[in-house]
Amino acid sequence: MYQKVDVANNQGSDEPQDILGYLGKGEFYREKRRQIPITEEELIKCVHHDNKLKEIMFMIKEIDPDRNGYVTQTELDDIMKLKYAELEKRDLIPIISKYCSI
């Protein structure tokens, strides 16, 4: 099934959406939160300063029981914001979309 999906990096209105994410909260929750853009350098500094990647990998395994490696942007956004409080009001989607499954 995944081989038939075009996974080109083009964010448009027809891109698949995951409105619930890891937290199970819908799009109205996300619209209320004002997001401040973040650069890749800022994200790397945050992760380097307080490395919680092991915990993030365990959370990803929790939502990916069949271990097929597919995690949505919204799920990864939620997980990163749960583990790094300083990212809570930052817009991670433009950066993490490169590393997420559709």
Protein backbone atom coordinates (compact mmCIF):
# COMPACT_ATOMS: atom_id res chain seq x y z
CA MET A 1 0.00 0.00 0.00
CA TYR A 2 2.75 2.47 0.94
CA GLN A 3 4.53 1.91 -2.35
CA LYS A 4 1.52 3.37 -4.16
CA VAL A 5 1.58 6.62 -2.14
CA ASP A 6 3.49 9.61 -3.47
CA VAL A 7 5.71 10.72 -0.60
CA ALA A 8 7.27 13.76 -2.26
CA ASN A 9 8.02 16.61 0.12
CA ASN A 10 5.16 18.88 -0.89
CA GLN A 11 2.94 20.20 1.83
CA GLY A 12 -0.41 20.95 0.33
CA SER A 13 -4.10 20.76 1.04
CA ASP A 14 -4.27 17.16 -0.18
CA GLU A 15 -1.56 15.94 2.21
CA PRO A 16 -2.73 13.18 4.57
CA GLN A 17 -3.69 14.55 7.99
CA ASP A 18 -3.56 13.02 11.45
CA ILE A 19 -5.69 15.34 13.54
CA LEU A 20 -5.52 13.30 16.74
CA GLY A 21 -1.79 12.65 17.00
CA TYR A 22 -0.17 10.98 20.00
CA LEU A 23 -2.23 12.88 22.56
CA GLY A 24 -5.57 12.01 20.98
CA LYS A 25 -6.54 15.69 20.78
CA GLY A 26 -8.16 17.07 17.67
CA GLU A 27 -7.42 19.95 15.37
CA PHE A 28 -9.28 22.50 17.52
CA TYR A 29 -6.70 21.93 20.27
CA ARG A 30 -3.91 22.56 17.78
CA GLU A 31 -5.50 25.69 16.32
CA LYS A 32 -5.73 27.32 19.76
CA ARG A 33 -2.01 26.98 20.42
CA ARG A 34 0.05 29.77 18.90
CA GLN A 35 3.14 28.31 17.30
CA ILE A 36 6.49 30.14 17.07
CA PRO A 37 8.75 28.98 14.23
CA ILE A 38 11.95 27.14 15.16
CA THR A 39 15.15 26.66 13.20
CA GLU A 40 16.96 23.36 12.80
CA GLU A 41 19.86 24.78 14.82
CA GLU A 42 17.57 25.62 17.75
CA LEU A 43 16.05 22.14 17.67
CA ILE A 44 19.48 20.51 17.59
CA LYS A 45 20.66 22.66 20.53
CA CYS A 46 17.58 21.66 22.53
CA VAL A 47 18.06 17.95 21.85
CA HIS A 48 21.83 18.14 22.42
CA HIS A 49 21.41 19.98 25.73
CA ASP A 50 18.94 17.46 27.16
CA ASN A 51 19.10 14.28 25.08
CA LYS A 52 15.88 12.30 25.47
CA LEU A 53 16.00 10.46 22.15
CA LYS A 54 15.96 7.06 23.87
CA GLU A 55 12.68 7.96 25.60
CA ILE A 56 11.28 9.28 22.32
CA MET A 57 12.14 6.00 20.58
CA PHE A 58 10.29 4.06 23.31
CA MET A 59 7.23 6.27 22.82
CA ILE A 60 7.37 5.71 19.06
CA LYS A 61 7.52 1.95 19.61
CA GLU A 62 4.48 2.27 21.87
CA ILE A 63 2.38 3.76 19.04
CA ASP A 64 3.93 1.51 16.39
CA PRO A 65 3.26 -2.00 17.74
CA ASP A 66 3.76 -3.75 14.40
CA ARG A 67 7.18 -2.05 14.11
CA ASN A 68 6.66 -0.91 10.54
CA GLY A 69 8.32 2.43 11.30
CA TYR A 70 5.45 4.69 10.31
CA VAL A 71 4.90 7.72 12.54
CA THR A 72 2.89 10.75 11.47
CA GLN A 73 4.07 14.34 11.73
CA THR A 74 1.42 15.11 14.33
CA GLU A 75 2.43 12.13 16.47
CA LEU A 76 6.12 13.06 16.38
CA ASP A 77 5.24 16.72 17.09
CA ASP A 78 3.26 15.66 20.17
CA ILE A 79 6.00 13.32 21.40
CA MET A 80 8.76 15.93 21.00
CA LYS A 81 6.67 18.51 22.86
CA LEU A 82 5.94 16.06 25.68
CA LYS A 83 9.63 15.32 26.18
CA TYR A 84 10.97 18.84 25.68
CA ALA A 85 8.89 21.46 27.51
CA GLU A 86 10.77 24.29 25.80
CA LEU A 87 9.37 23.13 22.44
CA GLU A 88 5.75 23.28 23.55
CA LYS A 89 4.94 26.57 21.79
CA ARG A 90 7.25 26.05 18.82
CA ASP A 91 6.21 25.02 15.31
CA LEU A 92 8.13 21.79 14.65
CA ILE A 93 6.14 20.52 11.66
CA PRO A 94 8.25 22.20 8.92
CA ILE A 95 11.42 20.60 10.31
CA ILE A 96 10.17 17.19 11.40
CA SER A 97 8.12 16.65 8.25
CA LYS A 98 11.36 15.63 6.54
CA TYR A 99 11.77 12.78 9.01
CA CYS A 100 8.17 11.59 9.44
CA SER A 101 6.15 8.93 7.71
CA ILE A 102 3.08 10.12 5.86
